Protein backbone atom coordinates (compact mmCIF):
# COMPACT_ATOMS: atom_id res chain seq x y z
CA MET A 1 183.48 109.03 -66.14
CA THR A 2 180.72 111.10 -66.28
CA GLU A 3 178.40 111.48 -63.12
CA HIS A 4 175.63 109.62 -64.14
CA LEU A 5 172.85 107.95 -61.66
CA LEU A 6 170.93 105.07 -62.41
CA THR A 7 167.54 105.85 -61.50
CA PHE A 8 164.35 103.99 -61.41
CA SER A 9 161.09 105.85 -61.37
CA GLY A 10 157.70 103.72 -60.82
CA VAL A 11 158.54 101.12 -62.72
CA SER A 12 156.46 98.00 -63.37
CA PHE A 13 157.61 95.12 -65.66
CA SER A 14 155.70 91.61 -66.22
CA TYR A 15 156.34 89.44 -69.25
CA ASP A 16 153.72 88.85 -71.92
CA SER A 17 153.48 85.04 -70.56
CA SER A 18 152.70 86.67 -66.86
CA TRP A 19 149.55 88.12 -65.86
CA ASP A 20 151.72 89.38 -62.69
CA PHE A 21 154.10 92.19 -62.12
CA LEU A 22 157.56 90.64 -61.41
CA ILE A 23 158.37 94.36 -60.52
CA ASP A 24 156.05 96.36 -59.58
CA ASN A 25 155.66 100.43 -59.06
CA PHE A 26 159.87 100.35 -58.05
CA THR A 27 161.14 103.59 -57.59
CA GLY A 28 164.96 104.16 -56.52
CA SER A 29 168.48 105.23 -57.23
CA PHE A 30 171.98 103.59 -58.07
CA GLY A 31 174.93 105.53 -57.73
CA LYS A 32 179.05 104.70 -57.79
CA GLY A 33 180.01 101.79 -56.30
CA TRP A 34 178.64 98.04 -56.17
CA THR A 35 174.73 97.06 -55.18
CA GLY A 36 174.53 93.36 -54.63
CA ILE A 37 171.29 92.19 -55.89
CA VAL A 38 169.78 89.00 -54.32
CA GLY A 39 166.58 86.99 -53.99
CA PRO A 40 165.43 83.75 -54.63
CA ASN A 41 166.04 81.77 -58.86
CA GLY A 42 162.78 83.43 -60.69
CA ALA A 43 162.21 86.29 -58.70
CA GLY A 44 163.47 88.50 -61.46
CA LYS A 45 167.33 89.51 -60.67
CA THR A 46 168.40 89.14 -64.07
CA THR A 47 165.60 90.89 -65.33
CA LEU A 48 166.52 93.99 -63.08
CA LEU A 49 169.79 94.12 -64.67
CA LEU A 50 168.46 94.29 -67.99
CA LEU A 51 165.99 96.52 -67.43
CA ALA A 52 168.98 98.83 -66.07
CA CYS A 53 170.89 98.53 -69.24
CA GLY A 54 168.11 99.08 -71.30
CA ILE A 55 167.87 95.89 -72.46
CA LEU A 56 164.20 95.28 -71.59
CA SER A 57 161.60 98.20 -71.75
CA PRO A 58 159.45 99.05 -68.36
CA VAL A 59 155.85 98.51 -68.73
CA LYS A 60 155.38 101.39 -67.17
CA GLY A 61 157.84 103.97 -65.47
CA ILE A 62 160.80 105.68 -66.35
CA ILE A 63 164.28 104.34 -65.95
CA SER A 64 167.52 106.79 -66.61
CA HIS A 65 171.01 105.22 -67.14
CA PRO A 66 174.32 106.42 -68.35
CA GLN A 67 175.12 105.58 -71.73
CA ASP A 68 177.50 103.58 -71.75
CA CYS A 69 176.12 100.02 -70.02
CA TYR A 70 177.78 96.82 -70.19
CA TYR A 71 175.47 93.50 -69.24
CA CYS A 72 177.75 90.51 -68.71
CA HIS A 73 175.39 87.54 -68.75
CA GLN A 74 175.95 84.66 -66.63
CA ARG A 75 176.09 81.89 -69.35
CA THR A 76 179.42 81.51 -71.17
CA ASP A 77 178.18 79.47 -74.30
CA ASP A 78 179.25 82.38 -76.82
CA PRO A 79 182.88 84.51 -76.68
CA PRO A 80 181.80 87.93 -75.77
CA ASP A 81 182.56 90.91 -78.21
CA GLY A 82 185.54 92.40 -77.96
CA LEU A 83 187.38 89.34 -76.94
CA THR A 84 189.62 89.33 -79.69
CA ASP A 85 190.87 93.23 -79.09
CA PHE A 86 191.19 92.42 -75.36
CA LEU A 87 193.20 89.15 -75.80
CA SER A 88 195.51 91.67 -78.44
CA SER A 89 195.91 94.60 -77.07
CA TYR A 90 199.15 95.20 -74.84
CA GLU A 91 197.81 98.21 -73.33
CA SER A 92 198.57 98.15 -69.65
CA ASP A 93 194.90 97.43 -68.26
CA ALA A 94 194.59 94.44 -70.18
CA SER A 95 197.94 93.09 -69.30
CA VAL A 96 196.81 93.76 -65.80
CA LEU A 97 193.83 91.99 -66.06
CA LYS A 98 194.72 89.13 -68.40
CA SER A 99 197.33 88.82 -65.63
CA ILE A 100 195.21 88.85 -62.80
CA LEU A 101 192.59 86.47 -64.03
CA GLY A 102 195.05 84.08 -65.61
CA ILE A 103 193.62 84.48 -68.96
CA ASP A 104 195.67 82.98 -72.49
CA ASP A 105 196.02 84.81 -75.44
CA GLY A 106 194.80 82.21 -77.36
CA TYR A 107 191.31 81.97 -75.68
CA ALA A 108 189.08 83.46 -78.46
CA ASP A 109 190.41 80.58 -80.57
CA LYS A 110 190.16 77.80 -78.10
CA TRP A 111 186.77 78.70 -77.01
CA ARG A 112 184.71 75.72 -77.54
CA VAL A 113 187.17 73.60 -75.58
CA LEU A 114 187.75 76.22 -72.68
CA SER A 115 186.04 75.28 -69.13
CA HIS A 116 182.94 77.16 -68.23
CA GLY A 117 185.56 78.49 -65.82
CA GLU A 118 187.82 79.89 -68.10
CA ARG A 119 184.63 81.43 -70.16
CA LYS A 120 184.19 82.93 -67.16
CA ARG A 121 187.14 84.59 -66.68
CA SER A 122 187.52 85.98 -70.12
CA GLN A 123 183.96 87.46 -69.81
CA LEU A 124 184.96 89.72 -66.74
CA GLY A 125 188.61 90.48 -68.31
CA VAL A 126 186.45 91.88 -71.27
CA ALA A 127 184.05 93.62 -69.05
CA LEU A 128 186.51 95.64 -66.96
CA TRP A 129 188.56 96.22 -69.98
CA LYS A 130 186.22 98.41 -71.42
CA ALA A 131 185.77 99.90 -68.23
CA PRO A 132 181.93 100.80 -68.82
CA GLU A 133 179.99 103.70 -66.77
CA MET A 134 177.55 101.26 -65.61
CA PHE A 135 178.61 97.24 -65.48
CA ALA A 136 175.72 94.93 -64.77
CA LEU A 137 177.15 91.40 -63.47
CA ASP A 138 175.40 88.11 -63.13
CA GLU A 139 176.77 85.66 -60.92
CA PRO A 140 180.99 86.64 -61.38
CA THR A 141 182.03 83.60 -59.37
CA ASN A 142 180.59 80.88 -61.09
CA HIS A 143 182.56 77.76 -62.10
CA ILE A 144 185.41 79.85 -60.22
CA ASP A 145 187.47 78.17 -58.47
CA SER A 146 188.57 79.28 -54.67
CA ASP A 147 192.45 80.81 -56.07
CA THR A 148 190.48 82.61 -58.99
CA LYS A 149 187.80 83.85 -56.77
CA SER A 150 190.14 86.23 -54.63
CA MET A 151 191.82 87.37 -57.81
CA ILE A 152 188.15 88.20 -59.27
CA ARG A 153 187.23 90.02 -56.28
CA ASP A 154 190.68 92.21 -56.56
CA ALA A 155 189.89 93.24 -60.16
CA LEU A 156 186.28 94.12 -59.24
CA SER A 157 187.12 96.07 -56.20
CA ARG A 158 189.11 98.62 -58.53
CA TYR A 159 185.95 99.23 -60.56
CA SER A 160 184.60 102.63 -59.84
CA GLY A 161 181.73 103.16 -62.09
CA ILE A 162 177.83 102.31 -61.13
CA GLY A 163 178.16 98.21 -60.25
CA LEU A 164 174.93 95.80 -59.99
CA LEU A 165 176.25 92.49 -58.73
CA VAL A 166 173.63 89.20 -59.19
CA SER A 167 175.20 87.11 -56.65
CA HIS A 168 174.78 84.00 -54.39
CA ASP A 169 178.16 84.28 -52.84
CA ARG A 170 178.01 86.25 -49.71
CA GLU A 171 181.52 86.76 -48.83
CA LEU A 172 181.73 88.45 -52.45
CA LEU A 173 178.83 90.41 -51.80
CA ASP A 174 179.61 91.39 -47.84
CA GLU A 175 183.35 92.64 -49.22
CA LEU A 176 182.20 94.64 -52.59
CA CYS A 177 178.63 96.22 -51.97
CA ALA A 178 177.58 99.03 -50.31
CA ASN A 179 174.11 98.99 -51.02
CA THR A 180 171.70 95.79 -51.37
CA VAL A 181 168.34 95.15 -53.38
CA TYR A 182 166.39 91.79 -52.33
CA LEU A 183 163.79 90.85 -55.22
CA GLU A 184 160.56 89.01 -53.41
CA PRO A 185 158.30 89.81 -56.12
CA PRO A 186 156.49 92.40 -57.11
CA ASP A 187 158.35 93.98 -54.09
CA LEU A 188 162.11 95.38 -54.13
CA TYR A 189 163.64 96.08 -50.79
CA MET A 190 166.69 98.47 -51.01
CA LYS A 191 168.71 98.31 -48.20
CA PRO A 192 172.36 99.95 -46.93
CA GLY A 193 175.18 97.45 -46.50
CA GLY A 194 175.94 93.91 -47.97
CA TYR A 195 174.09 91.10 -48.05
CA THR A 196 174.73 89.90 -44.39
CA LYS A 197 173.64 93.37 -43.08
CA ALA A 198 171.18 94.47 -45.78
CA TYR A 199 169.16 90.55 -45.09
CA ALA A 200 169.24 90.96 -41.28
CA GLN A 201 167.65 94.52 -41.32
CA ILE A 202 165.17 92.72 -43.83
CA GLU A 203 164.16 90.11 -41.70
CA GLN A 204 164.32 92.70 -38.48
CA GLU A 205 161.76 94.52 -40.11
CA ARG A 206 159.83 91.65 -41.43
CA LYS A 207 159.27 90.58 -37.68
CA ALA A 208 158.51 94.01 -36.73
CA ALA A 209 155.54 94.10 -39.14
CA GLU A 210 153.79 90.49 -38.45
CA LYS A 211 154.36 91.71 -34.87
CA LYS A 212 151.99 94.71 -36.02
CA GLN A 213 149.93 93.06 -37.98
CA VAL A 214 149.62 90.41 -35.12
CA HIS A 215 148.56 93.16 -32.39
CA ALA A 216 146.03 94.60 -35.06
CA LYS A 217 144.30 91.25 -35.78
CA LYS A 218 143.74 91.17 -31.91
CA GLU A 219 142.77 94.88 -31.70
CA ILE A 220 140.29 94.06 -34.36
CA VAL A 221 138.89 91.21 -32.21
CA LYS A 222 138.51 93.03 -29.42
CA LEU A 223 136.80 96.35 -31.06
CA LYS A 224 133.98 93.67 -33.15
CA LYS A 225 133.30 92.17 -29.53
CA GLU A 226 132.97 95.45 -28.23
CA LEU A 227 130.70 96.69 -31.09
CA HIS A 228 128.48 93.43 -31.23
CA LYS A 229 127.92 94.13 -27.23
CA ARG A 230 127.13 97.88 -27.59
CA ARG A 231 124.80 96.99 -30.52
CA MET A 232 122.81 94.26 -28.41
CA LYS A 233 122.49 96.79 -25.87
CA ALA A 234 121.37 99.37 -28.21
CA GLU A 235 118.85 96.69 -29.69
CA ALA A 236 117.82 96.10 -25.85
CA ALA A 237 117.37 99.84 -25.30
CA GLU A 238 115.34 100.33 -28.62
CA LYS A 239 113.13 97.74 -27.54
CA ALA A 240 112.76 98.55 -24.16
CA LYS A 241 112.24 102.30 -25.21
CA SER A 242 109.33 101.13 -27.49
CA LYS A 243 105.46 101.78 -26.06
CA LYS A 244 104.58 99.23 -28.91
CA GLY A 245 102.22 96.78 -26.95
CA LEU A 246 101.55 98.65 -23.99
CA THR A 247 97.88 99.34 -22.61
CA ALA A 248 96.85 103.17 -22.37
CA ASN A 249 96.22 102.15 -18.81
CA ASP A 250 100.02 101.31 -18.45
CA SER A 251 100.95 104.67 -17.07
CA ASP A 252 104.28 103.96 -14.91
CA ALA A 253 105.96 102.09 -17.71
CA ARG A 254 105.39 104.99 -20.19
CA GLU A 255 106.32 107.30 -17.97
CA LYS A 256 109.50 105.38 -17.34
CA ILE A 257 110.31 105.17 -21.30
CA ASP A 258 109.49 108.77 -21.12
CA ARG A 259 112.31 109.52 -18.74
CA GLY A 260 115.09 107.46 -20.41
CA ARG A 261 114.42 109.09 -23.38
CA VAL A 262 114.74 112.66 -21.76
CA THR A 263 118.04 111.57 -19.94
CA GLY A 264 119.68 110.79 -23.59
CA LYS A 265 120.54 107.51 -22.41
CA ASP A 266 119.95 105.38 -25.24
CA GLY A 267 121.81 108.04 -27.89
CA LYS A 268 124.99 107.67 -25.50
CA ILE A 269 125.13 104.05 -26.34
CA SER A 270 124.56 105.01 -30.03
CA ARG A 271 127.32 107.53 -29.62
CA GLN A 272 129.40 104.99 -28.24
CA SER A 273 129.00 102.38 -30.98
CA LYS A 274 129.40 105.08 -33.96
CA SER A 275 133.28 105.63 -31.99
CA ILE A 276 133.57 102.18 -31.72
CA ASP A 277 132.73 101.34 -35.30
CA SER A 278 134.87 104.19 -36.41
CA ARG A 279 137.64 102.97 -34.31
CA LEU A 280 137.35 99.38 -35.99
CA SER A 281 136.85 100.64 -39.78
CA ARG A 282 140.56 102.45 -39.00
CA THR A 283 142.45 99.75 -36.93
CA GLN A 284 141.54 97.44 -40.38
CA GLU A 285 143.01 99.93 -42.85
CA LYS A 286 146.35 100.23 -40.80
CA SER A 287 146.60 95.89 -40.82
CA ALA A 288 145.21 96.09 -44.17
CA ALA A 289 148.43 98.59 -45.10
CA ILE A 290 151.38 96.64 -43.26
CA ARG A 291 153.52 94.71 -46.03
CA VAL A 292 154.99 91.57 -44.25
CA LYS A 293 157.60 89.98 -46.57
CA LYS A 294 156.05 86.28 -47.36
CA ASN A 295 158.25 83.55 -45.43
CA HIS A 296 157.80 80.09 -47.90
CA THR A 297 158.00 76.76 -47.00
CA THR A 298 161.26 75.28 -48.05
CA GLY A 299 163.38 72.11 -47.40
CA ILE A 300 162.80 68.71 -48.97
CA VAL A 301 163.43 65.38 -47.85
CA PHE A 302 163.39 62.29 -49.96
CA ASP A 303 165.25 58.82 -48.91
CA GLY A 304 166.86 57.37 -52.04
CA VAL A 305 167.73 53.58 -52.82
CA LYS A 306 171.00 52.00 -51.93
CA LEU A 307 171.86 49.96 -54.06
CA LYS A 308 171.87 45.99 -52.98
CA ARG A 309 175.06 45.44 -55.35
CA ASP A 310 178.77 45.82 -54.17
CA MET A 311 179.58 48.53 -57.08
CA ILE A 312 177.77 50.70 -58.75
CA TYR A 313 180.54 51.84 -60.88
CA LYS A 314 184.53 50.72 -61.52
CA THR A 315 187.16 51.50 -63.70
CA THR A 316 190.90 50.72 -64.18
CA GLY A 317 193.81 53.57 -64.35
CA GLY A 318 194.14 55.33 -67.37
CA SER A 319 194.26 59.16 -68.97
CA ILE A 320 191.79 61.13 -70.96
CA GLU A 321 193.11 63.35 -73.55
CA LEU A 322 192.16 67.25 -72.95
CA SER A 323 192.09 70.26 -74.64
CA MET A 324 195.59 71.68 -76.28
CA GLY A 325 197.86 69.08 -75.64
CA ARG A 326 197.14 68.35 -72.22
CA LEU A 327 196.47 64.72 -70.67
CA LEU A 328 194.34 63.60 -67.71
CA ILE A 329 195.79 60.51 -65.57
CA TYR A 330 193.23 58.74 -63.40
CA PRO A 331 193.99 55.86 -60.91
CA ALA A 332 191.71 53.02 -60.56
CA LEU A 333 188.38 54.49 -59.61
CA GLU A 334 185.31 53.12 -57.59
CA ILE A 335 181.52 54.71 -56.73
CA SER A 336 179.86 52.03 -53.93
CA PRO A 337 176.24 52.48 -52.85
CA ALA A 338 178.11 54.20 -49.71
CA SER A 339 180.09 56.49 -51.68
CA ARG A 340 179.81 60.32 -51.01
CA ILE A 341 182.89 61.70 -53.40
CA ALA A 342 184.09 65.00 -53.48
CA VAL A 343 186.10 65.70 -56.44
CA ILE A 344 188.42 69.15 -56.57
CA GLY A 345 190.69 70.87 -58.45
CA PRO A 346 191.51 74.41 -60.60
CA ASN A 347 189.35 75.42 -63.77
CA GLY A 348 190.50 72.93 -67.02
CA SER A 349 192.04 70.48 -64.94
CA GLY A 350 189.49 67.67 -66.62
CA LYS A 351 186.75 67.31 -63.17
CA SER A 352 183.90 67.46 -66.13
CA THR A 353 185.52 65.38 -68.90
CA LEU A 354 185.87 63.04 -66.40
CA ILE A 355 182.72 63.02 -65.11
CA ASN A 356 181.15 62.78 -68.90
CA LYS A 357 182.89 59.85 -68.58
CA ILE A 358 181.79 57.97 -65.88
CA VAL A 359 178.19 59.11 -67.02
CA ASN A 360 178.23 57.47 -70.26
CA GLU A 361 180.01 54.37 -69.16
CA LEU A 362 177.39 53.67 -66.06
CA SER A 363 175.47 50.28 -66.30
CA LEU A 364 172.33 51.63 -64.54
CA ALA A 365 169.09 51.90 -65.65
CA ALA A 366 167.88 55.46 -66.12
CA ASP A 367 165.49 55.77 -63.57
CA ASP A 368 168.42 54.94 -60.99
CA TYR A 369 170.77 57.70 -61.23
CA VAL A 370 170.65 61.63 -61.65
CA TYR A 371 172.93 63.80 -63.37
CA VAL A 372 172.99 67.31 -63.44
CA PRO A 373 175.46 68.80 -65.37
CA GLN A 374 177.65 72.29 -64.65
CA GLU A 375 175.82 74.35 -67.56
CA TYR A 376 172.72 73.66 -69.35
CA SER A 377 172.17 75.86 -72.56
CA MET A 378 169.27 78.01 -73.74
CA ILE A 379 167.78 75.73 -75.88
CA GLU A 380 167.73 72.61 -73.46
CA ALA A 381 166.20 75.01 -70.72
CA SER A 382 163.41 75.84 -72.98
CA SER A 383 162.97 72.07 -73.83
CA LEU A 384 163.36 71.20 -70.58
CA ILE A 385 160.13 73.19 -69.77
CA ASP A 386 158.05 71.83 -72.57
CA GLN A 387 159.27 68.80 -71.01
CA VAL A 388 157.83 69.99 -68.08
CA ARG A 389 154.45 71.04 -69.12
CA LYS A 390 153.75 67.66 -70.77
CA LEU A 391 153.65 65.65 -67.36
CA GLY A 392 150.60 64.69 -66.08
CA HIS A 393 148.61 65.88 -63.20
CA ASP A 394 149.93 64.17 -60.58
CA CYS A 395 153.63 63.87 -61.39
CA LEU A 396 153.80 68.02 -62.25
CA GLY A 397 151.94 68.74 -59.04
CA ASN A 398 154.77 66.47 -57.06
CA LEU A 399 157.54 68.08 -59.56
CA MET A 400 156.53 71.99 -58.35
CA THR A 401 155.93 71.30 -55.02
CA ILE A 402 160.07 70.10 -54.92
CA VAL A 403 160.57 73.23 -57.11
CA SER A 404 158.84 75.68 -54.59
CA ARG A 405 160.48 73.96 -51.42
CA LEU A 406 163.52 74.86 -53.44
CA ASN A 407 162.42 78.41 -52.81
CA SER A 408 161.31 79.10 -56.29
CA ARG A 409 157.70 80.12 -57.41
CA PRO A 410 156.33 77.25 -59.53
CA GLU A 411 153.60 79.28 -61.46
CA ARG A 412 156.48 81.95 -62.33
CA LEU A 413 158.23 79.08 -63.62
CA ILE A 414 155.83 77.44 -65.55
CA GLU A 415 154.83 80.32 -67.20
CA SER A 416 158.39 81.63 -68.62
CA PRO A 417 159.72 80.82 -72.22
CA THR A 418 163.33 80.10 -70.74
CA PRO A 419 164.03 79.08 -66.88
CA SER A 420 166.68 80.75 -65.72
CA PRO A 421 169.57 78.76 -64.97
CA GLY A 422 169.26 78.15 -61.30
CA GLU A 423 165.59 77.00 -62.24
CA ALA A 424 166.90 74.62 -64.71
CA ARG A 425 168.79 73.33 -62.59
CA LYS A 426 166.14 72.88 -59.85
CA LEU A 427 163.94 71.37 -62.68
CA LEU A 428 166.50 68.81 -63.21
CA LEU A 429 167.31 68.03 -59.75
CA ALA A 430 163.88 67.89 -58.84
CA LEU A 431 162.73 65.14 -61.91
CA GLY A 432 165.63 63.43 -60.87
CA LEU A 433 164.45 62.88 -57.13
CA LEU A 434 161.18 62.03 -58.42
CA LYS A 435 162.42 58.86 -59.60
CA ASN A 436 164.19 57.99 -55.90
CA PRO A 437 167.95 57.11 -57.66
CA SER A 438 170.58 55.42 -56.02
CA LEU A 439 173.22 57.81 -57.75
CA ILE A 440 173.03 61.50 -57.44
CA ILE A 441 175.74 63.03 -59.83
CA MET A 442 175.67 66.66 -60.20
CA ASP A 443 178.93 69.09 -61.44
CA GLU A 444 178.85 72.65 -60.10
CA PRO A 445 175.47 72.03 -57.76
CA THR A 446 175.69 75.61 -56.33
CA ASN A 447 176.47 76.93 -59.11
CA HIS A 448 172.98 79.57 -60.08
CA LEU A 449 171.44 78.80 -56.69
CA ASP A 450 170.19 81.07 -54.28
CA ILE A 451 171.39 80.72 -50.72
CA VAL A 452 167.83 79.25 -49.41
CA SER A 453 168.20 76.87 -52.27
CA ILE A 454 171.94 75.51 -51.44
CA GLN A 455 171.18 75.38 -47.77
CA CYS A 456 167.59 73.38 -48.75
CA ILE A 457 169.82 70.76 -51.27
CA GLU A 458 172.25 70.47 -48.51
CA GLN A 459 169.73 69.35 -45.81
CA ALA A 460 168.02 66.89 -48.76
CA LEU A 461 171.33 65.04 -49.55
CA SER A 462 172.75 65.10 -46.26
CA SER A 463 170.05 62.28 -44.85
CA CYS A 464 169.70 60.32 -48.12
CA ASP A 465 170.73 56.46 -48.97
CA ALA A 466 171.84 57.66 -52.71
CA ALA A 467 175.60 57.69 -53.45
CA LEU A 468 177.05 61.16 -54.20
CA LEU A 469 179.53 62.47 -56.42
CA LEU A 470 180.00 65.73 -56.15
CA VAL A 471 182.12 68.42 -58.41
CA SER A 472 182.51 71.94 -56.83
CA HIS A 473 184.49 74.85 -55.53
CA ASP A 474 182.07 75.21 -52.29
CA LYS A 475 184.12 73.73 -49.65
CA ARG A 476 181.45 74.32 -47.23
CA PHE A 477 178.91 72.32 -49.61
CA LEU A 478 181.13 69.47 -49.98
CA LYS A 479 182.52 69.25 -46.41
CA THR A 480 178.41 68.70 -45.53
CA LEU A 481 178.11 66.03 -47.65
CA THR A 482 180.98 64.06 -48.70
CA HIS A 483 183.58 61.31 -46.78
CA SER A 484 186.33 60.92 -49.22
CA THR A 485 187.93 62.97 -52.15
CA TRP A 486 188.99 62.65 -55.70
CA ARG A 487 191.80 65.91 -56.00
CA PHE A 488 193.06 67.02 -59.48
CA ILE A 489 196.55 68.28 -59.28
CA THR A 490 198.25 70.04 -61.95
CA ASN A 491 201.71 69.25 -62.89
CA GLN A 492 203.01 72.51 -62.36
CA GLU A 493 206.51 71.75 -64.17
CA THR A 494 205.02 71.15 -67.73
CA LEU A 495 201.47 72.08 -67.23
CA ASN A 496 200.25 69.40 -69.25
CA SER A 497 198.77 66.86 -67.27
CA THR A 498 196.21 66.36 -64.48
CA VAL A 499 196.64 63.87 -61.53
CA ILE A 500 194.36 62.69 -59.63
CA VAL A 501 195.18 61.42 -56.12
């Protein structure tokens, strides 16, 4: 690989639908190794990757990047370019990657029936096989089970070019990244270290800036009071030295005024006022120059409704045919009003298939449950935005409050032609919560979401009365919210059946 830095020089960018810059006057350089890109959903993380690769052009400034750039997006709707060549290659690099990532040579023909985790592994395999000078990677661990995460981490650690990594996976960011960029539109903060170290430094700087700003404001109030006092003295002195109203025979008063003018006491008061006025101006300028990173209010609370009937859903044991001749075998399953169920298992084992079966067979009214699927296509996301824009004023206001408290900026979301996958999930969840549902079903709820948003959803779901059915690879998330588990286990001898226990 040739030595070539990625450099941003005074770069600003905004979408045509927005009046404000998403990125404003950013200057920075990226060398070899991984740099983490973090920030709230909709803050411009994917936009930064697209700018770095030359897929988008800045409104202002210059971006210099290597010629050989590869962008691996977070959606898995379509197979990546070069997948067939990669799968048919028996070169050492291709074989090693296929082995590490568990990729089958027949994935190209079976793309439409692959799980999203299998598609994601294929995306990464193709990208790493091409070994580009610059690799822009968007949310690589979405849809990935815990066993595969460690494989991906090992594979990515071997990459030696310029790597930009958008992720909410704190462990991955800490283990891979030598630097981190935090986005808070329109500002970007570039700090050394992985997520934990970089964010701690940003928070330390924010607190220091807040302290300086508080001190400056106190100083401004103090100086204004002193200036007012001096001006009152000056006015009193001006009034005292005036001979207006004195009679011609009042010689003692006239002489006293003349002595005050000779001593220069009035001039001293005037000079002191000017000095304080100058100090006040300087302090106000310093206060205005202090940049304090915004801390938006986050966290949502909703009650949910616990149904009075004994059972929400019940099915006897049976089986479902999966792709490639595999079979999902399930026992009798129940969801009660008090259920909080974790659904776990490896990629491709049939978890989403079972969830779709349950959703299709629910006897609940549409307003009584919320279903947030694992993926939402770009067409569906655009349609969702159109649906939101047509809401009544009050309903839209309540929806945007929930979205804001899930760590996204509603005004930017409404302006966007297509919401990011994370923003789409927030919109779906917010629309569902407005219904105050009795059952919440979420397939991989932490995928695409920023770290603060995950914590907000954890807090909200932990205290609600609705029943929960959650499919996730996030052990911490499930441990916080669920009481029972449906575990999918693949038959290791034949690999053609999955059993729920």
